[in-house]
Amino acid sequence: MRIIDHEVLRAAAAALIEAGGSTPEEATIVAGHLVEANLAGHDSHGVGMIPRYLQNAAAGVLRPGRTGRVVTDAGAMIVIDGEQGYGQVIAKAATETAIARARETGAAVLALRNCHHMGRIGSYGEQVAAAGQVGLMFVNVTGSPSLVAPHAGFDPRFSTNPICLSFPGADGAPPVIFDAATSGVALGKCRVAMNKGEPMAEGLLIDAEGRPTTDPGVMFAEPQGALLPMAGHKGYGLALFCELLAGALAGAGTSQPGNPRSDAILNSMFAIVIEPGRLVDTAWLAAETRALLDHMRSSRSAPGQPVLIPGEPEIAARAARRAGGIPIDDTTFGQLRAAGLAAGMSAARLDALGLTAGI
């Protein structure tokens, strides 16, 4: 395990992404998003994704330099095609567009399709909440093979289909950010566990024959196993609505077999952004929000296990990792160095960035 300062990791990540064909500006945005995911404690969506990104860029299924194309601009409704560009760049800009439009109209509906992997969806919820607005975001995955079995099924039928719900904080308090895959666990967490040589918790995975397992390697084997939906039929229902909203209603396509599959990670998002002052007095809303969150925290709980508000674990992780560094397991570290070499970076350049050999 390596412990790396977040600024050192940010510079190394940007250099790797730039080697994959991005401009310095684009590389900075993508690297910043990935390192922020690591800082928030979500290593599954952090710099460990870079080797896959560079592979996809080399294969032409990720297209650096694309900024997205407006397909429809109809007042409160906006449709944007990401043109298979970096999702972190295009989703950030599209979210900013929805925020500005919601200020004008009171609410905005954003259909964002055909982006390469958007990363941690919570970052866009945080972006909306920072603007004092409410966000509801539903995401599906097209292009890549399915990963998650439907409730009671053995065969993968959709992807991890995350949902993010965000609400602004009251009187300068942190926002409430609920960001979760509708599967019991994200695929990236299986990758992290496999790289560390650790088992997964029970109830998250089945092998290719539908048998429960704790081995994360089943997701990277042939034949592949499957992730299970969170909370059984409830997570399945939410995942299905991600397909209907982000896939069908946004015009991106769903996981049904008539749509082509490849090794690309193409995301689509259906988002609603709301200007709360158009619905309710903002002073009352702040007071009511504060009272509700205080009521949650006042519940009795086990020693050392306080009731937390969604978003608070990420705040604590950021503080700890900014001060103490970001842990990167040796396998992931080696994959980052190998990706740099494959992209044409010299060993000396990688050493200078802190991606040293000797694992």
Protein backbone atom coordinates (compact mmCIF):
# COMPACT_ATOMS: atom_id res chain seq x y z
CA MET A 1 0.00 0.00 0.00
CA ARG A 2 1.28 3.46 -0.94
CA ILE A 3 0.14 6.66 0.78
CA ILE A 4 0.23 9.57 -1.64
CA ASP A 5 -0.43 13.27 -1.07
CA HIS A 6 -3.54 14.32 -2.95
CA GLU A 7 -1.75 17.11 -4.85
CA VAL A 8 1.00 14.72 -5.97
CA LEU A 9 -1.64 12.23 -7.08
CA ARG A 10 -3.58 14.96 -8.89
CA ALA A 11 -0.49 15.97 -10.91
CA ALA A 12 0.34 12.36 -11.76
CA ALA A 13 -3.26 11.62 -12.80
CA ALA A 14 -3.39 14.70 -15.03
CA ALA A 15 -0.13 13.73 -16.72
CA LEU A 16 -1.41 10.21 -17.43
CA ILE A 17 -4.68 11.49 -18.89
CA GLU A 18 -2.85 14.06 -21.01
CA ALA A 19 -0.68 11.23 -22.35
CA GLY A 20 -3.90 9.59 -23.49
CA GLY A 21 -4.68 12.47 -25.83
CA SER A 22 -6.34 15.11 -23.65
CA THR A 23 -5.49 18.80 -23.53
CA PRO A 24 -3.96 20.01 -20.26
CA GLU A 25 -7.28 21.68 -19.37
CA GLU A 26 -9.31 18.52 -19.96
CA ALA A 27 -6.75 16.38 -18.12
CA THR A 28 -6.91 18.73 -15.13
CA ILE A 29 -10.71 18.47 -14.92
CA VAL A 30 -10.77 14.68 -15.21
CA ALA A 31 -7.87 14.18 -12.80
CA GLY A 32 -9.44 16.57 -10.30
CA HIS A 33 -12.71 14.65 -10.39
CA LEU A 34 -10.97 11.29 -9.89
CA VAL A 35 -8.77 12.47 -7.02
CA GLU A 36 -11.78 14.10 -5.36
CA ALA A 37 -13.47 10.70 -5.48
CA ASN A 38 -10.43 9.19 -3.75
CA LEU A 39 -10.49 11.98 -1.17
CA ALA A 40 -14.18 11.30 -0.52
CA GLY A 41 -13.34 7.67 0.22
CA HIS A 42 -14.72 6.28 -3.04
CA ASP A 43 -11.60 4.63 -4.44
CA SER A 44 -13.79 2.64 -6.83
CA HIS A 45 -14.33 5.87 -8.80
CA GLY A 46 -10.86 7.33 -8.28
CA VAL A 47 -7.56 7.21 -10.13
CA GLY A 48 -7.77 3.43 -10.46
CA MET A 49 -10.09 4.09 -13.44
CA ILE A 50 -7.29 5.72 -15.46
CA PRO A 51 -5.86 2.52 -17.02
CA ARG A 52 -9.33 1.66 -18.38
CA TYR A 53 -9.78 5.22 -19.65
CA LEU A 54 -6.49 5.16 -21.53
CA GLN A 55 -7.31 1.76 -23.02
CA ASN A 56 -10.67 3.07 -24.19
CA ALA A 57 -9.10 6.22 -25.64
CA ALA A 58 -6.60 4.11 -27.57
CA ALA A 59 -9.45 1.91 -28.83
CA GLY A 60 -11.46 4.94 -29.97
CA VAL A 61 -14.45 4.33 -27.69
CA LEU A 62 -13.45 7.29 -25.51
CA ARG A 63 -12.91 10.47 -27.52
CA PRO A 64 -10.79 13.08 -25.71
CA GLY A 65 -11.47 16.68 -26.62
CA ARG A 66 -15.23 16.37 -27.11
CA THR A 67 -17.32 18.96 -25.28
CA GLY A 68 -20.83 17.73 -26.04
CA ARG A 69 -23.49 18.85 -28.50
CA VAL A 70 -26.85 20.42 -27.67
CA VAL A 71 -29.53 18.34 -29.39
CA THR A 72 -32.59 20.12 -27.98
CA ASP A 73 -32.95 23.41 -26.10
CA ALA A 74 -36.60 23.93 -25.26
CA GLY A 75 -36.79 26.25 -22.28
CA ALA A 76 -36.74 24.12 -19.17
CA MET A 77 -35.82 20.99 -21.15
CA ILE A 78 -32.31 20.39 -22.48
CA VAL A 79 -30.92 17.39 -24.35
CA ILE A 80 -27.13 17.06 -24.75
CA ASP A 81 -25.16 14.39 -26.58
CA GLY A 82 -21.74 13.77 -25.02
CA GLU A 83 -20.22 12.42 -28.25
CA GLN A 84 -18.37 9.75 -26.20
CA GLY A 85 -16.18 12.41 -24.61
CA TYR A 86 -14.93 12.39 -21.04
CA GLY A 87 -18.05 12.27 -18.88
CA GLN A 88 -16.39 14.23 -16.08
CA VAL A 89 -15.94 17.20 -18.42
CA ILE A 90 -19.27 17.05 -20.24
CA ALA A 91 -21.47 16.22 -17.22
CA LYS A 92 -19.93 19.06 -15.22
CA ALA A 93 -20.67 21.58 -17.99
CA ALA A 94 -24.15 20.15 -18.61
CA THR A 95 -24.97 20.36 -14.91
CA GLU A 96 -23.88 23.99 -14.88
CA THR A 97 -26.21 24.60 -17.82
CA ALA A 98 -29.10 22.98 -15.94
CA ILE A 99 -28.33 25.07 -12.85
CA ALA A 100 -28.44 28.30 -14.89
CA ARG A 101 -31.65 27.26 -16.65
CA ALA A 102 -33.35 26.37 -13.35
CA ARG A 103 -32.57 29.87 -12.07
CA GLU A 104 -34.44 31.24 -15.07
CA THR A 105 -37.40 28.87 -15.22
CA GLY A 106 -37.64 27.46 -11.68
CA ALA A 107 -36.74 23.93 -12.78
CA ALA A 108 -34.74 22.27 -15.52
CA VAL A 109 -34.89 18.79 -17.00
CA LEU A 110 -31.57 17.57 -18.40
CA ALA A 111 -31.21 14.55 -20.65
CA LEU A 112 -27.50 13.86 -21.07
CA ARG A 113 -26.57 10.88 -23.21
CA ASN A 114 -23.63 9.14 -24.82
CA CYS A 115 -20.90 10.26 -22.41
CA HIS A 116 -17.92 8.17 -21.49
CA HIS A 117 -17.88 7.25 -17.79
CA MET A 118 -19.13 10.19 -15.72
CA GLY A 119 -17.31 9.08 -12.56
CA ARG A 120 -18.77 9.74 -9.12
CA ILE A 121 -22.28 11.07 -9.72
CA GLY A 122 -22.30 12.62 -6.25
CA SER A 123 -19.97 15.33 -7.52
CA TYR A 124 -22.74 16.67 -9.77
CA GLY A 125 -25.18 16.55 -6.86
CA GLU A 126 -22.68 18.56 -4.85
CA GLN A 127 -22.44 21.01 -7.75
CA VAL A 128 -26.22 21.52 -7.73
CA ALA A 129 -26.42 21.84 -3.94
CA ALA A 130 -23.59 24.39 -3.91
CA ALA A 131 -25.80 26.53 -6.16
CA GLY A 132 -28.56 26.33 -3.54
CA GLN A 133 -30.69 24.03 -5.66
CA VAL A 134 -32.18 20.55 -5.38
CA GLY A 135 -31.04 17.78 -7.72
CA LEU A 136 -32.44 14.39 -8.71
CA MET A 137 -30.16 12.35 -10.97
CA PHE A 138 -30.66 8.93 -12.51
CA VAL A 139 -27.91 7.21 -14.52
CA ASN A 140 -27.68 4.13 -16.71
CA VAL A 141 -24.85 2.52 -18.64
CA THR A 142 -24.93 1.72 -22.35
CA GLY A 143 -22.17 0.29 -24.49
CA SER A 144 -20.71 -2.08 -21.92
CA PRO A 145 -21.94 -5.55 -20.89
CA SER A 146 -24.53 -5.86 -18.13
CA LEU A 147 -23.32 -6.55 -14.59
CA VAL A 148 -26.33 -6.78 -12.27
CA ALA A 149 -28.92 -9.54 -12.10
CA PRO A 150 -32.58 -8.62 -11.62
CA HIS A 151 -34.19 -9.65 -8.35
CA ALA A 152 -34.57 -13.47 -8.30
CA GLY A 153 -32.55 -13.78 -11.52
CA PHE A 154 -29.06 -15.20 -12.13
CA ASP A 155 -28.14 -13.48 -15.40
CA PRO A 156 -26.91 -9.85 -15.61
CA ARG A 157 -29.50 -7.56 -17.17
CA PHE A 158 -28.38 -4.00 -16.39
CA SER A 159 -25.49 -2.10 -14.88
CA THR A 160 -24.97 -0.52 -11.45
CA ASN A 161 -27.28 2.38 -12.41
CA PRO A 162 -26.53 5.00 -9.73
CA ILE A 163 -28.98 7.50 -8.28
CA CYS A 164 -27.97 10.80 -6.72
CA LEU A 165 -30.35 13.01 -4.73
CA SER A 166 -28.98 16.30 -3.43
CA PHE A 167 -30.38 19.01 -1.16
CA PRO A 168 -28.69 22.30 -0.19
CA GLY A 169 -27.44 22.75 3.34
CA ALA A 170 -29.20 25.12 5.72
CA ASP A 171 -27.44 28.34 6.79
CA GLY A 172 -24.07 27.33 5.36
CA ALA A 173 -24.23 23.74 6.66
CA PRO A 174 -23.02 20.96 4.35
CA PRO A 175 -25.53 19.70 1.78
CA VAL A 176 -27.37 16.40 2.00
CA ILE A 177 -26.00 14.13 -0.76
CA PHE A 178 -27.38 10.65 -1.31
CA ASP A 179 -25.27 8.97 -3.99
CA ALA A 180 -25.52 5.22 -4.41
CA ALA A 181 -25.45 2.47 -6.96
CA THR A 182 -28.72 0.57 -7.18
CA SER A 183 -26.65 -2.60 -7.01
CA GLY A 184 -25.50 -3.75 -3.59
CA VAL A 185 -21.97 -2.66 -4.51
CA ALA A 186 -20.28 -0.87 -7.41
CA LEU A 187 -18.12 -2.87 -9.81
CA GLY A 188 -15.17 -0.61 -8.95
CA LYS A 189 -15.33 -1.76 -5.34
CA CYS A 190 -14.95 -5.35 -6.57
CA ARG A 191 -11.87 -4.25 -8.53
CA VAL A 192 -10.41 -2.57 -5.44
CA ALA A 193 -11.10 -5.63 -3.27
CA MET A 194 -9.59 -7.98 -5.87
CA ASN A 195 -6.49 -5.80 -6.16
CA LYS A 196 -6.11 -5.89 -2.38
CA GLY A 197 -6.76 -9.63 -2.19
CA GLU A 198 -9.79 -9.10 0.05
CA PRO A 199 -13.21 -10.82 -0.02
CA MET A 200 -16.49 -8.98 -0.48
CA ALA A 201 -19.24 -9.03 2.11
CA GLU A 202 -21.89 -11.72 1.80
CA GLY A 203 -25.05 -11.01 -0.16
CA LEU A 204 -23.46 -8.86 -2.87
CA LEU A 205 -22.33 -11.33 -5.56
CA ILE A 206 -23.29 -14.53 -7.30
CA ASP A 207 -21.10 -16.63 -9.58
CA ALA A 208 -21.99 -17.58 -13.15
CA GLU A 209 -24.21 -20.40 -11.88
CA GLY A 210 -26.15 -18.15 -9.51
CA ARG A 211 -24.40 -19.36 -6.35
CA PRO A 212 -23.68 -16.80 -3.61
CA THR A 213 -19.98 -15.93 -3.31
CA THR A 214 -17.67 -13.42 -1.62
CA ASP A 215 -14.97 -13.70 -4.32
CA PRO A 216 -14.74 -10.37 -6.22
CA GLY A 217 -12.85 -12.19 -8.97
CA VAL A 218 -16.10 -13.65 -10.33
CA MET A 219 -16.81 -10.24 -11.88
CA PHE A 220 -13.60 -10.38 -13.90
CA ALA A 221 -13.72 -14.05 -14.90
CA GLU A 222 -15.19 -15.94 -17.85
CA PRO A 223 -17.99 -16.79 -17.55
CA GLN A 224 -18.71 -13.73 -15.45
CA GLY A 225 -20.76 -13.69 -12.27
CA ALA A 226 -23.21 -10.94 -11.36
CA LEU A 227 -23.76 -8.22 -8.82
CA LEU A 228 -27.03 -8.28 -6.90
CA PRO A 229 -29.41 -5.32 -6.60
CA MET A 230 -29.44 -3.53 -3.27
CA ALA A 231 -32.36 -4.37 -0.98
CA GLY A 232 -33.67 -7.08 -3.26
CA HIS A 233 -36.74 -6.11 -5.25
CA LYS A 234 -36.49 -2.48 -4.13
CA GLY A 235 -33.08 -1.91 -5.66
CA TYR A 236 -34.20 -3.80 -8.74
CA GLY A 237 -37.15 -1.44 -9.15
CA LEU A 238 -34.92 1.63 -8.81
CA ALA A 239 -32.41 0.22 -11.31
CA LEU A 240 -35.21 -0.47 -13.76
CA PHE A 241 -36.35 3.15 -13.50
CA CYS A 242 -32.78 4.31 -14.19
CA GLU A 243 -33.07 2.37 -17.44
CA LEU A 244 -36.46 3.89 -18.21
CA LEU A 245 -35.48 7.47 -17.36
CA ALA A 246 -31.79 7.76 -18.30
CA GLY A 247 -31.97 5.13 -21.02
CA ALA A 248 -35.37 5.33 -22.70
CA LEU A 249 -36.69 8.82 -21.85
CA ALA A 250 -33.29 10.48 -22.41
CA GLY A 251 -33.00 8.77 -25.80
CA ALA A 252 -29.80 6.93 -24.96
CA GLY A 253 -31.02 3.36 -25.21
CA THR A 254 -31.40 0.78 -22.47
CA SER A 255 -29.74 -2.52 -21.63
CA GLN A 256 -32.16 -4.53 -23.80
CA PRO A 257 -30.29 -6.85 -26.19
CA GLY A 258 -31.20 -4.97 -29.37
CA ASN A 259 -28.66 -2.28 -28.45
CA PRO A 260 -24.98 -2.95 -29.24
CA ARG A 261 -22.48 -3.76 -26.53
CA SER A 262 -18.72 -3.16 -26.40
CA ASP A 263 -15.99 -2.48 -23.84
CA ALA A 264 -16.93 1.21 -23.68
CA ILE A 265 -18.30 2.72 -20.47
CA LEU A 266 -21.01 5.00 -21.84
CA ASN A 267 -23.23 6.78 -19.31
CA SER A 268 -26.48 8.65 -19.74
CA MET A 269 -28.17 10.77 -17.11
CA PHE A 270 -31.68 12.06 -16.58
CA ALA A 271 -31.61 14.95 -14.12
CA ILE A 272 -34.10 17.37 -12.63
CA VAL A 273 -32.73 20.57 -11.07
CA ILE A 274 -35.07 22.69 -8.93
CA GLU A 275 -34.81 26.26 -7.69
CA PRO A 276 -36.38 25.83 -4.21
CA GLY A 277 -37.32 29.49 -3.80
CA ARG A 278 -39.95 29.07 -6.52
CA LEU A 279 -41.77 26.54 -4.33
CA VAL A 280 -41.31 27.62 -0.71
CA ASP A 281 -39.99 30.43 1.48
CA THR A 282 -36.25 29.77 1.70
CA ALA A 283 -35.92 30.93 5.32
CA TRP A 284 -38.62 28.46 6.38
CA LEU A 285 -37.02 25.74 4.25
CA ALA A 286 -33.64 26.27 5.93
CA ALA A 287 -35.16 26.10 9.40
CA GLU A 288 -37.23 23.02 8.57
CA THR A 289 -34.23 21.26 7.01
CA ARG A 290 -32.04 22.03 10.01
CA ALA A 291 -34.72 20.78 12.43
CA LEU A 292 -35.19 17.55 10.48
CA LEU A 293 -31.48 16.76 10.35
CA ASP A 294 -31.09 17.53 14.05
CA HIS A 295 -34.00 15.16 14.71
CA MET A 296 -32.19 12.39 12.78
CA ARG A 297 -28.97 12.92 14.74
CA SER A 298 -30.79 12.87 18.09
CA SER A 299 -31.71 9.19 17.73
CA ARG A 300 -30.02 6.83 20.19
CA SER A 301 -27.38 4.64 18.56
CA ALA A 302 -24.65 2.17 19.43
CA PRO A 303 -21.47 3.57 21.05
CA GLY A 304 -19.14 4.97 18.44
CA GLN A 305 -21.77 4.71 15.71
CA PRO A 306 -23.58 8.06 15.54
CA VAL A 307 -26.41 8.65 13.13
CA LEU A 308 -24.91 10.34 10.07
CA ILE A 309 -26.54 12.44 7.39
CA PRO A 310 -25.89 11.34 3.79
CA GLY A 311 -22.77 13.15 2.64
CA GLU A 312 -21.12 13.31 6.07
CA PRO A 313 -18.93 10.20 5.58
CA GLU A 314 -17.42 11.87 2.51
CA ILE A 315 -16.74 15.07 4.47
CA ALA A 316 -14.89 13.08 7.15
CA ALA A 317 -12.94 11.10 4.55
CA ARG A 318 -11.84 14.29 2.77
CA ALA A 319 -10.52 15.79 5.97
CA ALA A 320 -8.60 12.64 6.89
CA ARG A 321 -7.14 12.02 3.44
CA ARG A 322 -6.18 15.63 2.79
CA ALA A 323 -4.20 15.53 6.01
CA GLY A 324 -2.83 12.00 5.84
CA GLY A 325 -2.72 11.16 2.15
CA ILE A 326 -4.63 8.81 -0.14
CA PRO A 327 -3.94 5.06 0.11
CA ILE A 328 -3.31 3.32 -3.22
CA ASP A 329 -2.84 -0.44 -3.19
CA ASP A 330 0.25 -1.80 -4.91
CA THR A 331 -1.68 -3.51 -7.70
CA THR A 332 -3.51 -0.33 -8.67
CA PHE A 333 -0.26 1.62 -8.38
CA GLY A 334 1.43 -0.81 -10.76
CA GLN A 335 -1.50 -0.57 -13.18
CA LEU A 336 -1.16 3.23 -13.25
CA ARG A 337 2.55 2.99 -14.06
CA ALA A 338 1.92 0.37 -16.74
CA ALA A 339 -0.77 2.55 -18.29
CA GLY A 340 1.65 5.46 -18.46
CA LEU A 341 4.30 3.33 -20.17
CA ALA A 342 1.73 2.01 -22.65
CA ALA A 343 0.70 5.61 -23.42
CA GLY A 344 4.29 6.47 -24.32
CA MET A 345 5.49 8.08 -21.09
CA SER A 346 9.10 7.40 -20.14
CA ALA A 347 10.06 5.58 -16.97
CA ALA A 348 11.97 8.68 -15.89
CA ARG A 349 8.87 10.85 -16.33
CA LEU A 350 6.77 8.42 -14.30
CA ASP A 351 9.43 8.33 -11.58
CA ALA A 352 9.41 12.12 -11.45
CA LEU A 353 5.63 12.08 -11.00
CA GLY A 354 5.94 9.68 -8.05
CA LEU A 355 4.81 6.62 -9.98
CA THR A 356 8.00 4.76 -9.21
CA ALA A 357 8.78 1.13 -9.94
CA GLY A 358 9.80 -1.42 -7.34
CA ILE A 359 6.43 -2.86 -6.42
